Structure formats: C-alpha cells, structure tokens
Amino acid sequence: MNADRTLLTDKMWAELSPLLPGQAGSCGVTAADTRGFVEAVLWLGRTGAPWRDLPAQFGHWHRVYVRFARWRDKGVWEKATAW
C-alpha cells in the first residue's frame, strides 16, 4: 500500500486502534493487519466502489466484507465513529 494514499495518519491510528477488536492483549484472536483492513473500508467509503472492486493490495474483497459485517453486527463501527 502506498503510504501517501492512506487515509489514516500514524497519530490517528494510535488513537483509534485501542478502540478496535483484534489488538495484541485483547480477548480472542489478534488480527494480522487491522490497520490495512480499516484502510480498505475507508477506501471503499471514499470511492463508493462495490466490494468486488476492492484493489487486491487490501486483501480479498470477500474476506474484507465478512470482517466488516462482523464488526457491524457487534457495533464496533458505532464505537469507533464516536472517536
């Protein structure tokens, strides 16, 4: 991923990441690339592209969608947007 095309600065990520599941020290599985996943969701929101058009650099679109849907169902996005 090209750093100048990301939407989250390191400072923003440092503030946001503790609010998200899958972090080191959290209960459950530690995610491999939570920041990349959040960047993928932000890219989709910014572009309005369909899930299937997610660039491969963000991972397979269906796995990103499934994770997005799990977070939606658990209310993670509402908690994060309060940030």
PDB file of N, CA and C in Angstrom:
ATOM      1  N   MET A   1       0.849  -1.172   0.000  1.00  0.00           N
ATOM      2  CA  MET A   1       0.000   0.000   0.000  1.00  0.00           C
ATOM      3  C   MET A   1       0.894   1.234   0.000  1.00  0.00           C
ATOM      4  N   ASN A   2       0.620   2.150  -0.862  1.00  0.00           N
ATOM      5  CA  ASN A   2       1.391   3.379  -0.980  1.00  0.00           C
ATOM      6  C   ASN A   2       1.030   4.305   0.186  1.00  0.00           C
ATOM      7  N   ALA A   3       2.007   4.659   0.996  1.00  0.00           N
ATOM      8  CA  ALA A   3       1.757   5.427   2.219  1.00  0.00           C
ATOM      9  C   ALA A   3       1.073   6.763   1.963  1.00  0.00           C
ATOM     10  N   ASP A   4       1.351   7.398   0.833  1.00  0.00           N
ATOM     11  CA  ASP A   4       0.723   8.700   0.590  1.00  0.00           C
ATOM     12  C   ASP A   4      -0.733   8.584   0.144  1.00  0.00           C
ATOM     13  N   ARG A   5      -1.225   7.371  -0.035  1.00  0.00           N
ATOM     14  CA  ARG A   5      -2.621   7.156  -0.424  1.00  0.00           C
ATOM     15  C   ARG A   5      -3.480   6.646   0.733  1.00  0.00           C
ATOM     16  N   THR A   6      -2.883   6.502   1.897  1.00  0.00           N
ATOM     17  CA  THR A   6      -3.648   6.040   3.044  1.00  0.00           C
ATOM     18  C   THR A   6      -4.474   7.190   3.599  1.00  0.00           C
ATOM     19  N   LEU A   7      -5.455   6.843   4.377  1.00  0.00           N
ATOM     20  CA  LEU A   7      -6.330   7.852   4.944  1.00  0.00           C
ATOM     21  C   LEU A   7      -6.051   8.120   6.412  1.00  0.00           C
ATOM     22  N   LEU A   8      -5.394   7.183   7.073  1.00  0.00           N
ATOM     23  CA  LEU A   8      -5.101   7.334   8.486  1.00  0.00           C
ATOM     24  C   LEU A   8      -3.634   7.693   8.695  1.00  0.00           C
ATOM     25  N   THR A   9      -3.405   8.771   9.389  1.00  0.00           N
ATOM     26  CA  THR A   9      -2.030   9.092   9.777  1.00  0.00           C
ATOM     27  C   THR A   9      -1.633   8.174  10.937  1.00  0.00           C
ATOM     28  N   ASP A  10      -0.346   8.112  11.240  1.00  0.00           N
ATOM     29  CA  ASP A  10       0.102   7.307  12.374  1.00  0.00           C
ATOM     30  C   ASP A  10      -0.523   7.806  13.672  1.00  0.00           C
ATOM     31  N   LYS A  11      -0.669   9.106  13.803  1.00  0.00           N
ATOM     32  CA  LYS A  11      -1.283   9.690  15.012  1.00  0.00           C
ATOM     33  C   LYS A  11      -2.742   9.268  15.117  1.00  0.00           C
ATOM     34  N   MET A  12      -3.471   9.347  14.013  1.00  0.00           N
ATOM     35  CA  MET A  12      -4.876   8.927  14.020  1.00  0.00           C
ATOM     36  C   MET A  12      -4.998   7.449  14.382  1.00  0.00           C
ATOM     37  N   TRP A  13      -4.131   6.612  13.787  1.00  0.00           N
ATOM     38  CA  TRP A  13      -4.178   5.180  14.066  1.00  0.00           C
ATOM     39  C   TRP A  13      -3.870   4.894  15.532  1.00  0.00           C
ATOM     40  N   ALA A  14      -2.920   5.617  16.110  1.00  0.00           N
ATOM     41  CA  ALA A  14      -2.567   5.413  17.516  1.00  0.00           C
ATOM     42  C   ALA A  14      -3.755   5.704  18.429  1.00  0.00           C
ATOM     43  N   GLU A  15      -4.586   6.658  18.061  1.00  0.00           N
ATOM     44  CA  GLU A  15      -5.769   6.986  18.856  1.00  0.00           C
ATOM     45  C   GLU A  15      -6.916   6.007  18.611  1.00  0.00           C
ATOM     46  N   LEU A  16      -7.061   5.567  17.374  1.00  0.00           N
ATOM     47  CA  LEU A  16      -8.190   4.708  17.005  1.00  0.00           C
ATOM     48  C   LEU A  16      -7.975   3.244  17.359  1.00  0.00           C
ATOM     49  N   SER A  17      -6.795   2.733  17.167  1.00  0.00           N
ATOM     50  CA  SER A  17      -6.562   1.295  17.282  1.00  0.00           C
ATOM     51  C   SER A  17      -6.944   0.686  18.636  1.00  0.00           C
ATOM     52  N   PRO A  18      -6.750   1.376  19.761  1.00  0.00           N
ATOM     53  CA  PRO A  18      -7.150   0.753  21.026  1.00  0.00           C
ATOM     54  C   PRO A  18      -8.668   0.519  21.143  1.00  0.00           C
ATOM     55  N   LEU A  19      -9.456   1.186  20.327  1.00  0.00           N
ATOM     56  CA  LEU A  19     -10.908   1.026  20.362  1.00  0.00           C
ATOM     57  C   LEU A  19     -11.397  -0.180  19.571  1.00  0.00           C
ATOM     58  N   LEU A  20     -10.490  -0.803  18.810  1.00  0.00           N
ATOM     59  CA  LEU A  20     -10.874  -1.851  17.879  1.00  0.00           C
ATOM     60  C   LEU A  20     -10.517  -3.237  18.399  1.00  0.00           C
ATOM     61  N   PRO A  21     -11.329  -4.238  18.026  1.00  0.00           N
ATOM     62  CA  PRO A  21     -11.005  -5.609  18.424  1.00  0.00           C
ATOM     63  C   PRO A  21      -9.809  -6.141  17.633  1.00  0.00           C
ATOM     64  N   GLY A  22      -9.245  -7.240  18.114  1.00  0.00           N
ATOM     65  CA  GLY A  22      -8.162  -7.908  17.399  1.00  0.00           C
ATOM     66  C   GLY A  22      -6.790  -7.350  17.661  1.00  0.00           C
ATOM     67  N   GLN A  23      -6.647  -6.550  18.704  1.00  0.00           N
ATOM     68  CA  GLN A  23      -5.350  -5.975  19.037  1.00  0.00           C
ATOM     69  C   GLN A  23      -4.600  -6.883  20.005  1.00  0.00           C
ATOM     70  N   ALA A  24      -3.298  -6.756  20.036  1.00  0.00           N
ATOM     71  CA  ALA A  24      -2.492  -7.528  20.990  1.00  0.00           C
ATOM     72  C   ALA A  24      -2.993  -7.232  22.403  1.00  0.00           C
ATOM     73  N   GLY A  25      -3.173  -8.272  23.176  1.00  0.00           N
ATOM     74  CA  GLY A  25      -3.664  -8.118  24.539  1.00  0.00           C
ATOM     75  C   GLY A  25      -5.176  -8.185  24.653  1.00  0.00           C
ATOM     76  N   SER A  26      -5.879  -8.161  23.523  1.00  0.00           N
ATOM     77  CA  SER A  26      -7.336  -8.272  23.530  1.00  0.00           C
ATOM     78  C   SER A  26      -7.743  -9.722  23.718  1.00  0.00           C
ATOM     79  N   CYS A  27      -8.943  -9.913  24.200  1.00  0.00           N
ATOM     80  CA  CYS A  27      -9.507 -11.256  24.288  1.00  0.00           C
ATOM     81  C   CYS A  27      -9.780 -11.755  22.868  1.00  0.00           C
ATOM     82  N   GLY A  28      -9.471 -12.997  22.588  1.00  0.00           N
ATOM     83  CA  GLY A  28      -9.737 -13.562  21.262  1.00  0.00           C
ATOM     84  C   GLY A  28      -8.510 -13.511  20.373  1.00  0.00           C
ATOM     85  N   VAL A  29      -8.758 -13.584  19.081  1.00  0.00           N
ATOM     86  CA  VAL A  29      -7.688 -13.667  18.087  1.00  0.00           C
ATOM     87  C   VAL A  29      -7.115 -12.287  17.805  1.00  0.00           C
ATOM     88  N   THR A  30      -5.794 -12.213  17.692  1.00  0.00           N
ATOM     89  CA  THR A  30      -5.137 -10.972  17.285  1.00  0.00           C
ATOM     90  C   THR A  30      -5.075 -10.945  15.765  1.00  0.00           C
ATOM     91  N   ALA A  31      -5.638  -9.912  15.176  1.00  0.00           N
ATOM     92  CA  ALA A  31      -5.695  -9.793  13.716  1.00  0.00           C
ATOM     93  C   ALA A  31      -4.328  -9.455  13.155  1.00  0.00           C
ATOM     94  N   ALA A  32      -4.065  -9.944  11.954  1.00  0.00           N
ATOM     95  CA  ALA A  32      -2.768  -9.724  11.316  1.00  0.00           C
ATOM     96  C   ALA A  32      -2.585  -8.283  10.859  1.00  0.00           C
ATOM     97  N   ASP A  33      -3.609  -7.677  10.305  1.00  0.00           N
ATOM     98  CA  ASP A  33      -3.455  -6.333   9.746  1.00  0.00           C
ATOM     99  C   ASP A  33      -4.733  -5.527   9.908  1.00  0.00           C
ATOM    100  N   THR A  34      -5.015  -5.142  11.122  1.00  0.00           N
ATOM    101  CA  THR A  34      -6.229  -4.373  11.384  1.00  0.00           C
ATOM    102  C   THR A  34      -6.177  -3.018  10.687  1.00  0.00           C
ATOM    103  N   ARG A  35      -5.022  -2.381  10.686  1.00  0.00           N
ATOM    104  CA  ARG A  35      -4.922  -1.068  10.042  1.00  0.00           C
ATOM    105  C   ARG A  35      -5.205  -1.184   8.540  1.00  0.00           C
ATOM    106  N   GLY A  36      -4.648  -2.199   7.888  1.00  0.00           N
ATOM    107  CA  GLY A  36      -4.918  -2.410   6.463  1.00  0.00           C
ATOM    108  C   GLY A  36      -6.387  -2.658   6.200  1.00  0.00           C
ATOM    109  N   PHE A  37      -7.029  -3.405   7.088  1.00  0.00           N
ATOM    110  CA  PHE A  37      -8.461  -3.664   6.964  1.00  0.00           C
ATOM    111  C   PHE A  37      -9.264  -2.357   7.075  1.00  0.00           C
ATOM    112  N   VAL A  38      -8.953  -1.551   8.072  1.00  0.00           N
ATOM    113  CA  VAL A  38      -9.663  -0.273   8.242  1.00  0.00           C
ATOM    114  C   VAL A  38      -9.409   0.627   7.040  1.00  0.00           C
ATOM    115  N   GLU A  39      -8.178   0.649   6.533  1.00  0.00           N
ATOM    116  CA  GLU A  39      -7.883   1.427   5.330  1.00  0.00           C
ATOM    117  C   GLU A  39      -8.724   0.945   4.142  1.00  0.00           C
ATOM    118  N   ALA A  40      -8.925  -0.371   4.026  1.00  0.00           N
ATOM    119  CA  ALA A  40      -9.746  -0.921   2.939  1.00  0.00           C
ATOM    120  C   ALA A  40     -11.176  -0.413   3.046  1.00  0.00           C
ATOM    121  N   VAL A  41     -11.717  -0.431   4.245  1.00  0.00           N
ATOM    122  CA  VAL A  41     -13.093   0.042   4.450  1.00  0.00           C
ATOM    123  C   VAL A  41     -13.185   1.538   4.145  1.00  0.00           C
ATOM    124  N   LEU A  42     -12.183   2.294   4.580  1.00  0.00           N
ATOM    125  CA  LEU A  42     -12.179   3.727   4.277  1.00  0.00           C
ATOM    126  C   LEU A  42     -12.052   3.980   2.774  1.00  0.00           C
ATOM    127  N   TRP A  43     -11.250   3.169   2.089  1.00  0.00           N
ATOM    128  CA  TRP A  43     -11.117   3.308   0.637  1.00  0.00           C
ATOM    129  C   TRP A  43     -12.462   3.086  -0.040  1.00  0.00           C
ATOM    130  N   LEU A  44     -13.171   2.056   0.385  1.00  0.00           N
ATOM    131  CA  LEU A  44     -14.487   1.784  -0.189  1.00  0.00           C
ATOM    132  C   LEU A  44     -15.444   2.935   0.070  1.00  0.00           C
ATOM    133  N   GLY A  45     -15.423   3.456   1.279  1.00  0.00           N
ATOM    134  CA  GLY A  45     -16.289   4.591   1.599  1.00  0.00           C
ATOM    135  C   GLY A  45     -15.936   5.832   0.801  1.00  0.00           C
ATOM    136  N   ARG A  46     -14.652   6.064   0.610  1.00  0.00           N
ATOM    137  CA  ARG A  46     -14.203   7.245  -0.133  1.00  0.00           C
ATOM    138  C   ARG A  46     -14.555   7.155  -1.608  1.00  0.00           C
ATOM    139  N   THR A  47     -14.394   5.959  -2.194  1.00  0.00           N
ATOM    140  CA  THR A  47     -14.594   5.810  -3.633  1.00  0.00           C
ATOM    141  C   THR A  47     -16.026   5.458  -4.018  1.00  0.00           C
ATOM    142  N   GLY A  48     -16.758   4.842  -3.083  1.00  0.00           N
ATOM    143  CA  GLY A  48     -18.101   4.379  -3.418  1.00  0.00           C
ATOM    144  C   GLY A  48     -18.096   3.142  -4.303  1.00  0.00           C
ATOM    145  N   ALA A  49     -16.940   2.508  -4.436  1.00  0.00           N
ATOM    146  CA  ALA A  49     -16.809   1.323  -5.288  1.00  0.00           C
ATOM    147  C   ALA A  49     -17.518   0.132  -4.644  1.00  0.00           C
ATOM    148  N   PRO A  50     -17.967  -0.806  -5.463  1.00  0.00           N
ATOM    149  CA  PRO A  50     -18.536  -2.032  -4.901  1.00  0.00           C
ATOM    150  C   PRO A  50     -17.441  -2.893  -4.265  1.00  0.00           C
ATOM    151  N   TRP A  51     -17.842  -3.755  -3.334  1.00  0.00           N
ATOM    152  CA  TRP A  51     -16.891  -4.617  -2.630  1.00  0.00           C
ATOM    153  C   TRP A  51     -15.985  -5.360  -3.598  1.00  0.00           C
ATOM    154  N   ARG A  52     -16.551  -5.892  -4.672  1.00  0.00           N
ATOM    155  CA  ARG A  52     -15.771  -6.705  -5.619  1.00  0.00           C
ATOM    156  C   ARG A  52     -14.674  -5.907  -6.327  1.00  0.00           C
ATOM    157  N   ASP A  53     -14.740  -4.595  -6.291  1.00  0.00           N
ATOM    158  CA  ASP A  53     -13.723  -3.758  -6.933  1.00  0.00           C
ATOM    159  C   ASP A  53     -12.612  -3.322  -5.972  1.00  0.00           C
ATOM    160  N   LEU A  54     -12.611  -3.868  -4.767  1.00  0.00           N
ATOM    161  CA  LEU A  54     -11.558  -3.540  -3.813  1.00  0.00           C
ATOM    162  C   LEU A  54     -10.211  -3.973  -4.396  1.00  0.00           C
ATOM    163  N   PRO A  55      -9.225  -3.070  -4.466  1.00  0.00           N
ATOM    164  CA  PRO A  55      -7.915  -3.448  -5.003  1.00  0.00           C
ATOM    165  C   PRO A  55      -7.295  -4.594  -4.201  1.00  0.00           C
ATOM    166  N   ALA A  56      -6.600  -5.464  -4.893  1.00  0.00           N
ATOM    167  CA  ALA A  56      -6.002  -6.651  -4.280  1.00  0.00           C
ATOM    168  C   ALA A  56      -5.035  -6.301  -3.147  1.00  0.00           C
ATOM    169  N   GLN A  57      -4.439  -5.124  -3.172  1.00  0.00           N
ATOM    170  CA  GLN A  57      -3.492  -4.737  -2.120  1.00  0.00           C
ATOM    171  C   GLN A  57      -4.151  -4.709  -0.744  1.00  0.00           C
ATOM    172  N   PHE A  58      -5.485  -4.604  -0.705  1.00  0.00           N
ATOM    173  CA  PHE A  58      -6.218  -4.588   0.563  1.00  0.00           C
ATOM    174  C   PHE A  58      -6.637  -5.983   1.009  1.00  0.00           C
ATOM    175  N   GLY A  59      -6.415  -6.976   0.187  1.00  0.00           N
ATOM    176  CA  GLY A  59      -6.846  -8.331   0.500  1.00  0.00           C
ATOM    177  C   GLY A  59      -8.043  -8.727  -0.345  1.00  0.00           C
ATOM    178  N   HIS A  60      -8.461  -9.956  -0.203  1.00  0.00           N
ATOM    179  CA  HIS A  60      -9.600 -10.456  -0.978  1.00  0.00           C
ATOM    180  C   HIS A  60     -10.873  -9.754  -0.509  1.00  0.00           C
ATOM    181  N   TRP A  61     -11.644  -9.243  -1.435  1.00  0.00           N
ATOM    182  CA  TRP A  61     -12.811  -8.421  -1.104  1.00  0.00           C
ATOM    183  C   TRP A  61     -13.785  -9.149  -0.189  1.00  0.00           C
ATOM    184  N   HIS A  62     -13.984 -10.458  -0.399  1.00  0.00           N
ATOM    185  CA  HIS A  62     -14.990 -11.157   0.391  1.00  0.00           C
ATOM    186  C   HIS A  62     -14.555 -11.291   1.854  1.00  0.00           C
ATOM    187  N   ARG A  63     -13.274 -11.553   2.086  1.00  0.00           N
ATOM    188  CA  ARG A  63     -12.793 -11.639   3.471  1.00  0.00           C
ATOM    189  C   ARG A  63     -12.894 -10.282   4.161  1.00  0.00           C
ATOM    190  N   VAL A  64     -12.604  -9.211   3.431  1.00  0.00           N
ATOM    191  CA  VAL A  64     -12.751  -7.869   3.999  1.00  0.00           C
ATOM    192  C   VAL A  64     -14.217  -7.605   4.316  1.00  0.00           C
ATOM    193  N   TYR A  65     -15.110  -7.985   3.420  1.00  0.00           N
ATOM    194  CA  TYR A  65     -16.544  -7.778   3.661  1.00  0.00           C
ATOM    195  C   TYR A  65     -17.019  -8.563   4.883  1.00  0.00           C
ATOM    196  N   VAL A  66     -16.603  -9.823   4.992  1.00  0.00           N
ATOM    197  CA  VAL A  66     -17.047 -10.652   6.123  1.00  0.00           C
ATOM    198  C   VAL A  66     -16.607 -10.021   7.443  1.00  0.00           C
ATOM    199  N   ARG A  67     -15.372  -9.559   7.500  1.00  0.00           N
ATOM    200  CA  ARG A  67     -14.889  -8.900   8.720  1.00  0.00           C
ATOM    201  C   ARG A  67     -15.658  -7.608   8.985  1.00  0.00           C
ATOM    202  N   PHE A  68     -15.896  -6.837   7.926  1.00  0.00           N
ATOM    203  CA  PHE A  68     -16.681  -5.619   8.058  1.00  0.00           C
ATOM    204  C   PHE A  68     -18.057  -5.931   8.647  1.00  0.00           C
ATOM    205  N   ALA A  69     -18.711  -6.957   8.106  1.00  0.00           N
ATOM    206  CA  ALA A  69     -20.055  -7.323   8.563  1.00  0.00           C
ATOM    207  C   ALA A  69     -20.043  -7.785  10.017  1.00  0.00           C
ATOM    208  N   ARG A  70     -19.016  -8.538  10.406  1.00  0.00           N
ATOM    209  CA  ARG A  70     -18.913  -8.967  11.815  1.00  0.00           C
ATOM    210  C   ARG A  70     -18.789  -7.758  12.731  1.00  0.00           C
ATOM    211  N   TRP A  71     -17.945  -6.822  12.358  1.00  0.00           N
ATOM    212  CA  TRP A  71     -17.786  -5.616  13.167  1.00  0.00           C
ATOM    213  C   TRP A  71     -19.080  -4.816  13.197  1.00  0.00           C
ATOM    214  N   ARG A  72     -19.775  -4.740  12.067  1.00  0.00           N
ATOM    215  CA  ARG A  72     -21.060  -4.031  12.018  1.00  0.00           C
ATOM    216  C   ARG A  72     -22.039  -4.661  12.998  1.00  0.00           C
ATOM    217  N   ASP A  73     -22.147  -5.978  12.954  1.00  0.00           N
ATOM    218  CA  ASP A  73     -23.097  -6.692  13.802  1.00  0.00           C
ATOM    219  C   ASP A  73     -22.755  -6.578  15.286  1.00  0.00           C
ATOM    220  N   LYS A  74     -21.472  -6.404  15.609  1.00  0.00           N
ATOM    221  CA  LYS A  74     -21.040  -6.260  17.007  1.00  0.00           C
ATOM    222  C   LYS A  74     -21.053  -4.808  17.484  1.00  0.00           C
ATOM    223  N   GLY A  75     -21.345  -3.853  16.589  1.00  0.00           N
ATOM    224  CA  GLY A  75     -21.391  -2.447  16.968  1.00  0.00           C
ATOM    225  C   GLY A  75     -20.029  -1.773  17.032  1.00  0.00           C
ATOM    226  N   VAL A  76     -19.009  -2.409  16.459  1.00  0.00           N
ATOM    227  CA  VAL A  76     -17.653  -1.834  16.503  1.00  0.00           C
ATOM    228  C   VAL A  76     -17.600  -0.498  15.780  1.00  0.00           C
ATOM    229  N   TRP A  77     -18.258  -0.396  14.634  1.00  0.00           N
ATOM    230  CA  TRP A  77     -18.188   0.844  13.852  1.00  0.00           C
ATOM    231  C   TRP A  77     -18.804   2.010  14.606  1.00  0.00           C
ATOM    232  N   GLU A  78     -19.899   1.769  15.332  1.00  0.00           N
ATOM    233  CA  GLU A  78     -20.519   2.857  16.113  1.00  0.00           C
ATOM    234  C   GLU A  78     -19.557   3.350  17.191  1.00  0.00           C
ATOM    235  N   LYS A  79     -18.894   2.404  17.851  1.00  0.00           N
ATOM    236  CA  LYS A  79     -17.934   2.776  18.894  1.00  0.00           C
ATOM    237  C   LYS A  79     -16.783   3.577  18.303  1.00  0.00           C
ATOM    238  N   ALA A  80     -16.279   3.139  17.157  1.00  0.00           N
ATOM    239  CA  ALA A  80     -15.144   3.803  16.515  1.00  0.00           C
ATOM    240  C   ALA A  80     -15.534   5.192  15.997  1.00  0.00           C
ATOM    241  N   THR A  81     -16.762   5.355  15.507  1.00  0.00           N
ATOM    242  CA  THR A  81     -17.152   6.656  14.966  1.00  0.00           C
ATOM    243  C   THR A  81     -17.383   7.671  16.084  1.00  0.00           C
ATOM    244  N   ALA A  82     -17.576   7.197  17.303  1.00  0.00           N
ATOM    245  CA  ALA A  82     -17.690   8.120  18.438  1.00  0.00           C
ATOM    246  C   ALA A  82     -16.340   8.757  18.748  1.00  0.00           C
ATOM    247  N   TRP A  83     -15.283   8.128  18.240  1.00  0.00           N
ATOM    248  CA  TRP A  83     -13.922   8.627  18.411  1.00  0.00           C
ATOM    249  C   TRP A  83     -13.799   9.913  17.675  1.00  0.00           C
TER     250      TRP A  83
END
